[in-house]
Amino acid sequence: MYLKRLAVILGAAGLAACGSNPYGPSGGGGGHTTALTVSNDVFTPTPDTVPAGQVTFTWSSASNGHNVTWDSGPGTLPTNSTTKTSGTYQATLVVGTYNYHCTFHGAPGSGMHGTIVVH
């Protein structure tokens, strides 16, 4: 009986560990979310791993204007976003690693940089 209880406890602990995601909610199929948030001086989640396709940046509680400016990635980079305090911006990404920042708040040492790994 003791071994049976121990097996149940260890199994539950293993499932809990597999379900944790340090980057935010899953986007289905084992990936992370394709919905990113732009708020005051931070992009979340970052870094993030997503399937190829469209990602959506949503401005949330941004009292200052922010934008998404692509620094690097495979092939032709998506068009940069306009400066916004609300609304959304969508970009279609192919397999590879993308780096981006806000031109107003992404100076070296600030937190307004992001990375997306597309698989």
PDB file of N, CA and C in Angstrom:
ATOM      1  N   MET A   1       0.817  -1.191   0.000  1.00  0.00           N
ATOM      2  CA  MET A   1       0.000   0.000   0.000  1.00  0.00           C
ATOM      3  C   MET A   1       0.866   1.262   0.000  1.00  0.00           C
ATOM      4  N   TYR A   2       1.969   1.214   0.780  1.00  0.00           N
ATOM      5  CA  TYR A   2       2.881   2.351   0.855  1.00  0.00           C
ATOM      6  C   TYR A   2       3.466   2.663  -0.518  1.00  0.00           C
ATOM      7  N   LEU A   3       3.905   1.653  -1.257  1.00  0.00           N
ATOM      8  CA  LEU A   3       4.494   1.858  -2.579  1.00  0.00           C
ATOM      9  C   LEU A   3       3.476   2.419  -3.567  1.00  0.00           C
ATOM     10  N   LYS A   4       2.241   1.966  -3.444  1.00  0.00           N
ATOM     11  CA  LYS A   4       1.187   2.457  -4.327  1.00  0.00           C
ATOM     12  C   LYS A   4       0.957   3.961  -4.098  1.00  0.00           C
ATOM     13  N   ARG A   5       0.908   4.380  -2.828  1.00  0.00           N
ATOM     14  CA  ARG A   5       0.731   5.801  -2.502  1.00  0.00           C
ATOM     15  C   ARG A   5       1.918   6.620  -3.001  1.00  0.00           C
ATOM     16  N   LEU A   6       3.116   6.085  -2.799  1.00  0.00           N
ATOM     17  CA  LEU A   6       4.314   6.780  -3.243  1.00  0.00           C
ATOM     18  C   LEU A   6       4.299   6.964  -4.759  1.00  0.00           C
ATOM     19  N   ALA A   7       3.874   5.944  -5.494  1.00  0.00           N
ATOM     20  CA  ALA A   7       3.803   6.042  -6.954  1.00  0.00           C
ATOM     21  C   ALA A   7       2.810   7.110  -7.380  1.00  0.00           C
ATOM     22  N   VAL A   8       1.674   7.199  -6.701  1.00  0.00           N
ATOM     23  CA  VAL A   8       0.665   8.210  -7.030  1.00  0.00           C
ATOM     24  C   VAL A   8       1.219   9.609  -6.750  1.00  0.00           C
ATOM     25  N   ILE A   9       1.895   9.789  -5.628  1.00  0.00           N
ATOM     26  CA  ILE A   9       2.453  11.097  -5.269  1.00  0.00           C
ATOM     27  C   ILE A   9       3.526  11.510  -6.271  1.00  0.00           C
ATOM     28  N   LEU A  10       4.439  10.593  -6.602  1.00  0.00           N
ATOM     29  CA  LEU A  10       5.493  10.914  -7.564  1.00  0.00           C
ATOM     30  C   LEU A  10       4.928  11.201  -8.948  1.00  0.00           C
ATOM     31  N   GLY A  11       3.913  10.476  -9.351  1.00  0.00           N
ATOM     32  CA  GLY A  11       3.275  10.721 -10.651  1.00  0.00           C
ATOM     33  C   GLY A  11       2.636  12.094 -10.707  1.00  0.00           C
ATOM     34  N   ALA A  12       1.955  12.497  -9.640  1.00  0.00           N
ATOM     35  CA  ALA A  12       1.324  13.816  -9.593  1.00  0.00           C
ATOM     36  C   ALA A  12       2.375  14.918  -9.612  1.00  0.00           C
ATOM     37  N   ALA A  13       3.483  14.709  -8.892  1.00  0.00           N
ATOM     38  CA  ALA A  13       4.551  15.701  -8.886  1.00  0.00           C
ATOM     39  C   ALA A  13       5.162  15.842 -10.279  1.00  0.00           C
ATOM     40  N   GLY A  14       5.324  14.749 -10.974  1.00  0.00           N
ATOM     41  CA  GLY A  14       5.866  14.790 -12.333  1.00  0.00           C
ATOM     42  C   GLY A  14       4.957  15.528 -13.278  1.00  0.00           C
ATOM     43  N   LEU A  15       3.655  15.315 -13.172  1.00  0.00           N
ATOM     44  CA  LEU A  15       2.705  16.031 -14.026  1.00  0.00           C
ATOM     45  C   LEU A  15       2.724  17.520 -13.735  1.00  0.00           C
ATOM     46  N   ALA A  16       2.813  17.891 -12.480  1.00  0.00           N
ATOM     47  CA  ALA A  16       2.853  19.309 -12.122  1.00  0.00           C
ATOM     48  C   ALA A  16       4.100  19.972 -12.692  1.00  0.00           C
ATOM     49  N   ALA A  17       5.232  19.288 -12.630  1.00  0.00           N
ATOM     50  CA  ALA A  17       6.473  19.854 -13.164  1.00  0.00           C
ATOM     51  C   ALA A  17       6.396  20.026 -14.669  1.00  0.00           C
ATOM     52  N   CYS A  18       5.781  19.086 -15.372  1.00  0.00           N
ATOM     53  CA  CYS A  18       5.664  19.183 -16.825  1.00  0.00           C
ATOM     54  C   CYS A  18       4.721  20.298 -17.235  1.00  0.00           C
ATOM     55  N   GLY A  19       3.787  20.645 -16.365  1.00  0.00           N
ATOM     56  CA  GLY A  19       2.810  21.656 -16.707  1.00  0.00           C
ATOM     57  C   GLY A  19       3.262  23.079 -16.451  1.00  0.00           C
ATOM     58  N   SER A  20       4.415  23.267 -15.811  1.00  0.00           N
ATOM     59  CA  SER A  20       4.839  24.632 -15.518  1.00  0.00           C
ATOM     60  C   SER A  20       5.417  25.272 -16.767  1.00  0.00           C
ATOM     61  N   ASN A  21       5.158  26.558 -16.927  1.00  0.00           N
ATOM     62  CA  ASN A  21       5.612  27.287 -18.102  1.00  0.00           C
ATOM     63  C   ASN A  21       6.090  28.655 -17.650  1.00  0.00           C
ATOM     64  N   PRO A  22       7.419  28.911 -17.643  1.00  0.00           N
ATOM     65  CA  PRO A  22       7.916  30.182 -17.141  1.00  0.00           C
ATOM     66  C   PRO A  22       7.618  31.363 -18.044  1.00  0.00           C
ATOM     67  N   TYR A  23       7.114  31.141 -19.260  1.00  0.00           N
ATOM     68  CA  TYR A  23       6.906  32.231 -20.210  1.00  0.00           C
ATOM     69  C   TYR A  23       5.447  32.613 -20.394  1.00  0.00           C
ATOM     70  N   GLY A  24       4.527  32.001 -19.689  1.00  0.00           N
ATOM     71  CA  GLY A  24       3.126  32.351 -19.854  1.00  0.00           C
ATOM     72  C   GLY A  24       2.310  31.166 -20.297  1.00  0.00           C
ATOM     73  N   PRO A  25       1.035  31.403 -20.625  1.00  0.00           N
ATOM     74  CA  PRO A  25       0.149  30.307 -20.985  1.00  0.00           C
ATOM     75  C   PRO A  25       0.541  29.661 -22.302  1.00  0.00           C
ATOM     76  N   SER A  26       0.228  28.374 -22.399  1.00  0.00           N
ATOM     77  CA  SER A  26       0.535  27.651 -23.633  1.00  0.00           C
ATOM     78  C   SER A  26      -0.384  28.082 -24.751  1.00  0.00           C
ATOM     79  N   GLY A  27       0.142  28.047 -25.958  1.00  0.00           N
ATOM     80  CA  GLY A  27      -0.644  28.395 -27.126  1.00  0.00           C
ATOM     81  C   GLY A  27      -1.198  27.172 -27.822  1.00  0.00           C
ATOM     82  N   GLY A  28      -1.284  26.044 -27.112  1.00  0.00           N
ATOM     83  CA  GLY A  28      -1.810  24.820 -27.695  1.00  0.00           C
ATOM     84  C   GLY A  28      -0.728  24.038 -28.401  1.00  0.00           C
ATOM     85  N   GLY A  29      -0.850  22.738 -28.422  1.00  0.00           N
ATOM     86  CA  GLY A  29       0.105  21.898 -29.112  1.00  0.00           C
ATOM     87  C   GLY A  29       1.493  21.924 -28.500  1.00  0.00           C
ATOM     88  N   GLY A  30       1.594  22.279 -27.227  1.00  0.00           N
ATOM     89  CA  GLY A  30       2.871  22.270 -26.537  1.00  0.00           C
ATOM     90  C   GLY A  30       3.688  23.528 -26.719  1.00  0.00           C
ATOM     91  N   GLY A  31       3.207  24.493 -27.524  1.00  0.00           N
ATOM     92  CA  GLY A  31       3.949  25.737 -27.734  1.00  0.00           C
ATOM     93  C   GLY A  31       3.586  26.766 -26.697  1.00  0.00           C
ATOM     94  N   HIS A  32       4.233  27.892 -26.777  1.00  0.00           N
ATOM     95  CA  HIS A  32       3.905  28.994 -25.892  1.00  0.00           C
ATOM     96  C   HIS A  32       2.893  29.898 -26.588  1.00  0.00           C
ATOM     97  N   THR A  33       2.568  30.988 -25.967  1.00  0.00           N
ATOM     98  CA  THR A  33       1.550  31.881 -26.492  1.00  0.00           C
ATOM     99  C   THR A  33       2.044  32.690 -27.690  1.00  0.00           C
ATOM    100  N   THR A  34       1.167  32.961 -28.629  1.00  0.00           N
ATOM    101  CA  THR A  34       1.491  33.850 -29.754  1.00  0.00           C
ATOM    102  C   THR A  34       0.928  35.244 -29.500  1.00  0.00           C
ATOM    103  N   ALA A  35       0.432  35.472 -28.285  1.00  0.00           N
ATOM    104  CA  ALA A  35      -0.087  36.776 -27.880  1.00  0.00           C
ATOM    105  C   ALA A  35       0.900  37.399 -26.913  1.00  0.00           C
ATOM    106  N   LEU A  36       1.520  38.505 -27.323  1.00  0.00           N
ATOM    107  CA  LEU A  36       2.494  39.197 -26.489  1.00  0.00           C
ATOM    108  C   LEU A  36       1.910  40.521 -26.024  1.00  0.00           C
ATOM    109  N   THR A  37       2.346  40.964 -24.855  1.00  0.00           N
ATOM    110  CA  THR A  37       1.835  42.204 -24.282  1.00  0.00           C
ATOM    111  C   THR A  37       2.916  43.270 -24.299  1.00  0.00           C
ATOM    112  N   VAL A  38       2.510  44.481 -24.676  1.00  0.00           N
ATOM    113  CA  VAL A  38       3.377  45.660 -24.630  1.00  0.00           C
ATOM    114  C   VAL A  38       2.809  46.540 -23.529  1.00  0.00           C
ATOM    115  N   SER A  39       3.584  46.730 -22.471  1.00  0.00           N
ATOM    116  CA  SER A  39       3.140  47.617 -21.400  1.00  0.00           C
ATOM    117  C   SER A  39       4.286  48.556 -21.057  1.00  0.00           C
ATOM    118  N   ASN A  40       4.176  49.287 -19.995  1.00  0.00           N
ATOM    119  CA  ASN A  40       5.182  50.302 -19.691  1.00  0.00           C
ATOM    120  C   ASN A  40       6.557  49.683 -19.493  1.00  0.00           C
ATOM    121  N   ASP A  41       7.414  49.904 -20.472  1.00  0.00           N
ATOM    122  CA  ASP A  41       8.819  49.513 -20.462  1.00  0.00           C
ATOM    123  C   ASP A  41       9.085  48.014 -20.416  1.00  0.00           C
ATOM    124  N   VAL A  42       8.146  47.199 -20.910  1.00  0.00           N
ATOM    125  CA  VAL A  42       8.382  45.752 -20.920  1.00  0.00           C
ATOM    126  C   VAL A  42       7.519  45.070 -21.985  1.00  0.00           C
ATOM    127  N   PHE A  43       8.112  44.057 -22.620  1.00  0.00           N
ATOM    128  CA  PHE A  43       7.389  43.125 -23.485  1.00  0.00           C
ATOM    129  C   PHE A  43       7.249  41.829 -22.692  1.00  0.00           C
ATOM    130  N   THR A  44       6.073  41.200 -22.717  1.00  0.00           N
ATOM    131  CA  THR A  44       5.903  39.906 -22.050  1.00  0.00           C
ATOM    132  C   THR A  44       5.060  38.984 -22.918  1.00  0.00           C
ATOM    133  N   PRO A  45       5.334  37.716 -22.966  1.00  0.00           N
ATOM    134  CA  PRO A  45       6.526  37.090 -22.396  1.00  0.00           C
ATOM    135  C   PRO A  45       7.718  37.261 -23.329  1.00  0.00           C
ATOM    136  N   THR A  46       8.884  37.264 -22.773  1.00  0.00           N
ATOM    137  CA  THR A  46      10.114  37.224 -23.548  1.00  0.00           C
ATOM    138  C   THR A  46      11.200  36.619 -22.686  1.00  0.00           C
ATOM    139  N   PRO A  47      11.952  35.674 -23.209  1.00  0.00           N
ATOM    140  CA  PRO A  47      11.819  35.124 -24.561  1.00  0.00           C
ATOM    141  C   PRO A  47      10.592  34.248 -24.667  1.00  0.00           C
ATOM    142  N   ASP A  48      10.182  33.967 -25.882  1.00  0.00           N
ATOM    143  CA  ASP A  48       9.047  33.088 -26.122  1.00  0.00           C
ATOM    144  C   ASP A  48       9.370  32.174 -27.297  1.00  0.00           C
ATOM    145  N   THR A  49       8.800  30.980 -27.286  1.00  0.00           N
ATOM    146  CA  THR A  49       8.952  30.025 -28.382  1.00  0.00           C
ATOM    147  C   THR A  49       7.566  29.766 -28.947  1.00  0.00           C
ATOM    148  N   VAL A  50       7.409  29.951 -30.254  1.00  0.00           N
ATOM    149  CA  VAL A  50       6.095  29.827 -30.882  1.00  0.00           C
ATOM    150  C   VAL A  50       6.210  29.048 -32.186  1.00  0.00           C
ATOM    151  N   PRO A  51       5.086  28.515 -32.672  1.00  0.00           N
ATOM    152  CA  PRO A  51       5.097  27.901 -34.004  1.00  0.00           C
ATOM    153  C   PRO A  51       5.125  28.988 -35.074  1.00  0.00           C
ATOM    154  N   ALA A  52       5.577  28.635 -36.270  1.00  0.00           N
ATOM    155  CA  ALA A  52       5.579  29.585 -37.381  1.00  0.00           C
ATOM    156  C   ALA A  52       4.162  30.083 -37.631  1.00  0.00           C
ATOM    157  N   GLY A  53       4.050  31.342 -37.991  1.00  0.00           N
ATOM    158  CA  GLY A  53       2.744  31.944 -38.253  1.00  0.00           C
ATOM    159  C   GLY A  53       2.676  33.331 -37.651  1.00  0.00           C
ATOM    160  N   GLN A  54       1.481  33.730 -37.279  1.00  0.00           N
ATOM    161  CA  GLN A  54       1.238  35.092 -36.832  1.00  0.00           C
ATOM    162  C   GLN A  54       1.360  35.232 -35.315  1.00  0.00           C
ATOM    163  N   VAL A  55       2.002  36.300 -34.886  1.00  0.00           N
ATOM    164  CA  VAL A  55       2.019  36.684 -33.478  1.00  0.00           C
ATOM    165  C   VAL A  55       1.315  38.027 -33.364  1.00  0.00           C
ATOM    166  N   THR A  56       0.705  38.262 -32.207  1.00  0.00           N
ATOM    167  CA  THR A  56      -0.029  39.503 -31.987  1.00  0.00           C
ATOM    168  C   THR A  56       0.515  40.200 -30.747  1.00  0.00           C
ATOM    169  N   PHE A  57       0.909  41.436 -30.905  1.00  0.00           N
ATOM    170  CA  PHE A  57       1.330  42.290 -29.800  1.00  0.00           C
ATOM    171  C   PHE A  57       0.129  43.145 -29.426  1.00  0.00           C
ATOM    172  N   THR A  58      -0.206  43.194 -28.131  1.00  0.00           N
ATOM    173  CA  THR A  58      -1.322  43.993 -27.649  1.00  0.00           C
ATOM    174  C   THR A  58      -0.819  44.983 -26.612  1.00  0.00           C
ATOM    175  N   TRP A  59      -1.133  46.252 -26.817  1.00  0.00           N
ATOM    176  CA  TRP A  59      -0.739  47.298 -25.871  1.00  0.00           C
ATOM    177  C   TRP A  59      -1.692  47.248 -24.693  1.00  0.00           C
ATOM    178  N   SER A  60      -1.126  47.202 -23.481  1.00  0.00           N
ATOM    179  CA  SER A  60      -1.919  47.084 -22.262  1.00  0.00           C
ATOM    180  C   SER A  60      -1.391  48.052 -21.214  1.00  0.00           C
ATOM    181  N   SER A  61      -2.209  48.956 -20.787  1.00  0.00           N
ATOM    182  CA  SER A  61      -1.848  49.925 -19.740  1.00  0.00           C
ATOM    183  C   SER A  61      -0.591  50.708 -20.079  1.00  0.00           C
ATOM    184  N   ALA A  62      -0.410  51.018 -21.324  1.00  0.00           N
ATOM    185  CA  ALA A  62       0.775  51.782 -21.737  1.00  0.00           C
ATOM    186  C   ALA A  62       0.469  53.268 -21.689  1.00  0.00           C
ATOM    187  N   SER A  63       1.036  53.961 -20.721  1.00  0.00           N
ATOM    188  CA  SER A  63       0.795  55.402 -20.630  1.00  0.00           C
ATOM    189  C   SER A  63       1.723  56.179 -21.565  1.00  0.00           C
ATOM    190  N   ASN A  64       2.812  55.523 -22.004  1.00  0.00           N
ATOM    191  CA  ASN A  64       3.738  56.115 -22.964  1.00  0.00           C
ATOM    192  C   ASN A  64       3.612  55.362 -24.281  1.00  0.00           C
ATOM    193  N   GLY A  65       3.981  56.023 -25.372  1.00  0.00           N
ATOM    194  CA  GLY A  65       3.971  55.343 -26.660  1.00  0.00           C
ATOM    195  C   GLY A  65       5.100  54.336 -26.766  1.00  0.00           C
ATOM    196  N   HIS A  66       4.797  53.178 -27.344  1.00  0.00           N
ATOM    197  CA  HIS A  66       5.776  52.118 -27.565  1.00  0.00           C
ATOM    198  C   HIS A  66       5.606  51.600 -28.985  1.00  0.00           C
ATOM    199  N   ASN A  67       6.661  50.954 -29.503  1.00  0.00           N
ATOM    200  CA  ASN A  67       6.568  50.319 -30.810  1.00  0.00           C
ATOM    201  C   ASN A  67       7.335  49.010 -30.792  1.00  0.00           C
ATOM    202  N   VAL A  68       7.180  48.241 -31.851  1.00  0.00           N
ATOM    203  CA  VAL A  68       7.928  47.003 -32.042  1.00  0.00           C
ATOM    204  C   VAL A  68       8.808  47.233 -33.264  1.00  0.00           C
ATOM    205  N   THR A  69      10.114  47.247 -33.046  1.00  0.00           N
ATOM    206  CA  THR A  69      11.087  47.445 -34.122  1.00  0.00           C
ATOM    207  C   THR A  69      11.958  46.201 -34.194  1.00  0.00           C
ATOM    208  N   TRP A  70      11.951  45.538 -35.335  1.00  0.00           N
ATOM    209  CA  TRP A  70      12.679  44.285 -35.520  1.00  0.00           C
ATOM    210  C   TRP A  70      14.164  44.565 -35.735  1.00  0.00           C
ATOM    211  N   ASP A  71      15.021  43.892 -34.963  1.00  0.00           N
ATOM    212  CA  ASP A  71      16.476  44.034 -35.064  1.00  0.00           C
ATOM    213  C   ASP A  71      17.082  42.963 -35.953  1.00  0.00           C
ATOM    214  N   SER A  72      16.635  41.726 -35.791  1.00  0.00           N
ATOM    215  CA  SER A  72      17.218  40.624 -36.547  1.00  0.00           C
ATOM    216  C   SER A  72      16.219  39.484 -36.643  1.00  0.00           C
ATOM    217  N   GLY A  73      16.434  38.660 -37.649  1.00  0.00           N
ATOM    218  CA  GLY A  73      15.587  37.500 -37.884  1.00  0.00           C
ATOM    219  C   GLY A  73      15.916  36.926 -39.249  1.00  0.00           C
ATOM    220  N   PRO A  74      15.342  35.795 -39.573  1.00  0.00           N
ATOM    221  CA  PRO A  74      15.635  35.170 -40.865  1.00  0.00           C
ATOM    222  C   PRO A  74      14.961  35.903 -42.019  1.00  0.00           C
ATOM    223  N   GLY A  75      15.642  35.992 -43.139  1.00  0.00           N
ATOM    224  CA  GLY A  75      15.041  36.574 -44.342  1.00  0.00           C
ATOM    225  C   GLY A  75      14.653  38.027 -44.158  1.00  0.00           C
ATOM    226  N   THR A  76      13.576  38.403 -44.821  1.00  0.00           N
ATOM    227  CA  THR A  76      13.053  39.764 -44.739  1.00  0.00           C
ATOM    228  C   THR A  76      12.295  39.929 -43.427  1.00  0.00           C
ATOM    229  N   LEU A  77      12.648  40.947 -42.667  1.00  0.00           N
ATOM    230  CA  LEU A  77      11.980  41.184 -41.384  1.00  0.00           C
ATOM    231  C   LEU A  77      10.579  41.735 -41.594  1.00  0.00           C
ATOM    232  N   PRO A  78       9.668  41.466 -40.640  1.00  0.00           N
ATOM    233  CA  PRO A  78       8.328  42.064 -40.728  1.00  0.00           C
ATOM    234  C   PRO A  78       8.421  43.588 -40.670  1.00  0.00           C
ATOM    235  N   THR A  79       7.397  44.241 -41.120  1.00  0.00           N
ATOM    236  CA  THR A  79       7.310  45.693 -41.024  1.00  0.00           C
ATOM    237  C   THR A  79       7.224  46.069 -39.553  1.00  0.00           C
ATOM    238  N   ASN A  80       7.937  47.112 -39.145  1.00  0.00           N
ATOM    239  CA  ASN A  80       7.877  47.578 -37.761  1.00  0.00           C
ATOM    240  C   ASN A  80       6.493  48.151 -37.475  1.00  0.00           C
ATOM    241  N   SER A  81       6.108  48.124 -36.201  1.00  0.00           N
ATOM    242  CA  SER A  81       4.818  48.699 -35.827  1.00  0.00           C
ATOM    243  C   SER A  81       4.931  50.216 -35.759  1.00  0.00           C
ATOM    244  N   THR A  82       3.795  50.866 -35.755  1.00  0.00           N
ATOM    245  CA  THR A  82       3.764  52.293 -35.472  1.00  0.00           C
ATOM    246  C   THR A  82       3.846  52.472 -33.961  1.00  0.00           C
ATOM    247  N   THR A  83       4.052  53.694 -33.505  1.00  0.00           N
ATOM    248  CA  THR A  83       4.057  53.981 -32.071  1.00  0.00           C
ATOM    249  C   THR A  83       2.618  54.058 -31.604  1.00  0.00           C
ATOM    250  N   LYS A  84       2.313  53.327 -30.527  1.00  0.00           N
ATOM    251  CA  LYS A  84       0.939  53.234 -30.025  1.00  0.00           C
ATOM    252  C   LYS A  84       0.915  53.309 -28.503  1.00  0.00           C
ATOM    253  N   THR A  85      -0.255  53.628 -27.967  1.00  0.00           N
ATOM    254  CA  THR A  85      -0.511  53.491 -26.532  1.00  0.00           C
ATOM    255  C   THR A  85      -1.613  52.462 -26.289  1.00  0.00           C
ATOM    256  N   SER A  86      -2.281  52.024 -27.361  1.00  0.00           N
ATOM    257  CA  SER A  86      -3.318  50.987 -27.251  1.00  0.00           C
ATOM    258  C   SER A  86      -3.461  50.325 -28.620  1.00  0.00           C
ATOM    259  N   GLY A  87      -4.194  49.233 -28.643  1.00  0.00           N
ATOM    260  CA  GLY A  87      -4.427  48.537 -29.899  1.00  0.00           C
ATOM    261  C   GLY A  87      -3.561  47.300 -30.046  1.00  0.00           C
ATOM    262  N   THR A  88      -3.475  46.802 -31.283  1.00  0.00           N
ATOM    263  CA  THR A  88      -2.705  45.592 -31.564  1.00  0.00           C
ATOM    264  C   THR A  88      -1.848  45.778 -32.806  1.00  0.00           C
ATOM    265  N   TYR A  89      -0.873  44.897 -32.941  1.00  0.00           N
ATOM    266  CA  TYR A  89       0.002  44.832 -34.105  1.00  0.00           C
ATOM    267  C   TYR A  89       0.284  43.358 -34.354  1.00  0.00           C
ATOM    268  N   GLN A  90       0.161  42.914 -35.597  1.00  0.00           N
ATOM    269  CA  GLN A  90       0.401  41.516 -35.937  1.00  0.00           C
ATOM    270  C   GLN A  90       1.566  41.404 -36.912  1.00  0.00           C
ATOM    271  N   ALA A  91       2.366  40.358 -36.713  1.00  0.00           N
ATOM    272  CA  ALA A  91       3.487  40.076 -37.600  1.00  0.00           C
ATOM    273  C   ALA A  91       3.489  38.587 -37.897  1.00  0.00           C
ATOM    274  N   THR A  92       3.818  38.234 -39.125  1.00  0.00           N
ATOM    275  CA  THR A  92       3.916  36.834 -39.516  1.00  0.00           C
ATOM    276  C   THR A  92       5.394  36.451 -39.504  1.00  0.00           C
ATOM    277  N   LEU A  93       5.710  35.386 -38.759  1.00  0.00           N
ATOM    278  CA  LEU A  93       7.092  34.969 -38.567  1.00  0.00           C
ATOM    279  C   LEU A  93       7.325  33.564 -39.116  1.00  0.00           C
ATOM    280  N   VAL A  94       8.498  33.369 -39.703  1.00  0.00           N
ATOM    281  CA  VAL A  94       8.918  32.060 -40.204  1.00  0.00           C
ATOM    282  C   VAL A  94       9.922  31.472 -39.215  1.00  0.00           C
ATOM    283  N   VAL A  95      10.330  30.237 -39.428  1.00  0.00           N
ATOM    284  CA  VAL A  95      11.247  29.552 -38.522  1.00  0.00           C
ATOM    285  C   VAL A  95      12.554  30.336 -38.380  1.00  0.00           C
ATOM    286  N   GLY A  96      12.983  30.520 -37.146  1.00  0.00           N
ATOM    287  CA  GLY A  96      14.218  31.235 -36.851  1.00  0.00           C
ATOM    288  C   GLY A  96      14.097  32.001 -35.544  1.00  0.00           C
ATOM    289  N   THR A  97      15.093  32.800 -35.232  1.00  0.00           N
ATOM    290  CA  THR A  97      15.098  33.607 -34.008  1.00  0.00           C
ATOM    291  C   THR A  97      15.005  35.078 -34.374  1.00  0.00           C
ATOM    292  N   TYR A  98      14.062  35.763 -33.733  1.00  0.00           N
ATOM    293  CA  TYR A  98      13.826  37.187 -33.974  1.00  0.00           C
ATOM    294  C   TYR A  98      14.155  37.974 -32.712  1.00  0.00           C
ATOM    295  N   ASN A  99      14.794  39.108 -32.881  1.00  0.00           N
ATOM    296  CA  ASN A  99      15.047  40.045 -31.782  1.00  0.00           C
ATOM    297  C   ASN A  99      14.392  41.368 -32.140  1.00  0.00           C
ATOM    298  N   TYR A 100      13.805  42.022 -31.141  1.00  0.00           N
ATOM    299  CA  TYR A 100      13.091  43.272 -31.380  1.00  0.00           C
ATOM    300  C   TYR A 100      13.239  44.177 -30.163  1.00  0.00           C
ATOM    301  N   HIS A 101      12.890  45.441 -30.318  1.00  0.00           N
ATOM    302  CA  HIS A 101      12.940  46.398 -29.215  1.00  0.00           C
ATOM    303  C   HIS A 101      11.963  47.541 -29.486  1.00  0.00           C
ATOM    304  N   CYS A 102      11.776  48.386 -28.481  1.00  0.00           N
ATOM    305  CA  CYS A 102      11.031  49.637 -28.619  1.00  0.00           C
ATOM    306  C   CYS A 102      12.066  50.730 -28.835  1.00  0.00           C
ATOM    307  N   THR A 103      11.903  51.542 -29.881  1.00  0.00           N
ATOM    308  CA  THR A 103      12.909  52.567 -30.177  1.00  0.00           C
ATOM    309  C   THR A 103      12.966  53.664 -29.111  1.00  0.00           C
ATOM    310  N   PHE A 104      11.903  53.830 -28.326  1.00  0.00           N
ATOM    311  CA  PHE A 104      11.887  54.856 -27.291  1.00  0.00           C
ATOM    312  C   PHE A 104      12.445  54.366 -25.964  1.00  0.00           C
ATOM    313  N   HIS A 105      12.248  53.075 -25.663  1.00  0.00           N
ATOM    314  CA  HIS A 105      12.594  52.540 -24.346  1.00  0.00           C
ATOM    315  C   HIS A 105      13.490  51.306 -24.424  1.00  0.00           C
ATOM    316  N   GLY A 106      14.101  51.078 -25.574  1.00  0.00           N
ATOM    317  CA  GLY A 106      14.924  49.890 -25.760  1.00  0.00           C
ATOM    318  C   GLY A 106      16.405  50.168 -25.794  1.00  0.00           C
ATOM    319  N   ALA A 107      16.825  51.269 -25.178  1.00  0.00           N
ATOM    320  CA  ALA A 107      18.254  51.584 -25.136  1.00  0.00           C
ATOM    321  C   ALA A 107      18.989  50.517 -24.323  1.00  0.00           C
ATOM    322  N   PRO A 108      20.278  50.332 -24.571  1.00  0.00           N
ATOM    323  CA  PRO A 108      21.042  49.345 -23.794  1.00  0.00           C
ATOM    324  C   PRO A 108      20.837  49.553 -22.294  1.00  0.00           C
ATOM    325  N   GLY A 109      20.587  48.468 -21.604  1.00  0.00           N
ATOM    326  CA  GLY A 109      20.347  48.522 -20.168  1.00  0.00           C
ATOM    327  C   GLY A 109      18.881  48.630 -19.786  1.00  0.00           C
ATOM    328  N   SER A 110      18.004  48.892 -20.754  1.00  0.00           N
ATOM    329  CA  SER A 110      16.572  48.966 -20.440  1.00  0.00           C
ATOM    330  C   SER A 110      15.937  47.589 -20.652  1.00  0.00           C
ATOM    331  N   GLY A 111      14.707  47.443 -20.233  1.00  0.00           N
ATOM    332  CA  GLY A 111      14.025  46.165 -20.336  1.00  0.00           C
ATOM    333  C   GLY A 111      13.167  46.018 -21.567  1.00  0.00           C
ATOM    334  N   MET A 112      13.183  46.962 -22.477  1.00  0.00           N
ATOM    335  CA  MET A 112      12.238  46.908 -23.581  1.00  0.00           C
ATOM    336  C   MET A 112      12.855  46.278 -24.822  1.00  0.00           C
ATOM    337  N   HIS A 113      13.341  45.037 -24.644  1.00  0.00           N
ATOM    338  CA  HIS A 113      13.884  44.203 -25.719  1.00  0.00           C
ATOM    339  C   HIS A 113      13.137  42.883 -25.653  1.00  0.00           C
ATOM    340  N   GLY A 114      13.059  42.183 -26.772  1.00  0.00           N
ATOM    341  CA  GLY A 114      12.409  40.877 -26.765  1.00  0.00           C
ATOM    342  C   GLY A 114      13.033  39.922 -27.751  1.00  0.00           C
ATOM    343  N   THR A 115      12.776  38.639 -27.531  1.00  0.00           N
ATOM    344  CA  THR A 115      13.248  37.572 -28.417  1.00  0.00           C
ATOM    345  C   THR A 115      12.116  36.579 -28.602  1.00  0.00           C
ATOM    346  N   ILE A 116      11.931  36.172 -29.867  1.00  0.00           N
ATOM    347  CA  ILE A 116      10.959  35.132 -30.194  1.00  0.00           C
ATOM    348  C   ILE A 116      11.699  34.072 -31.005  1.00  0.00           C
ATOM    349  N   VAL A 117      11.616  32.815 -30.555  1.00  0.00           N
ATOM    350  CA  VAL A 117      12.173  31.696 -31.286  1.00  0.00           C
ATOM    351  C   VAL A 117      11.003  30.978 -31.959  1.00  0.00           C
ATOM    352  N   VAL A 118      11.058  30.894 -33.276  1.00  0.00           N
ATOM    353  CA  VAL A 118       9.969  30.282 -34.044  1.00  0.00           C
ATOM    354  C   VAL A 118      10.448  28.916 -34.513  1.00  0.00           C
ATOM    355  N   HIS A 119       9.624  27.889 -34.256  1.00  0.00           N
ATOM    356  CA  HIS A 119       9.999  26.530 -34.680  1.00  0.00           C
ATOM    357  C   HIS A 119       9.042  25.994 -35.710  1.00  0.00           C
TER     358      HIS A 119
END
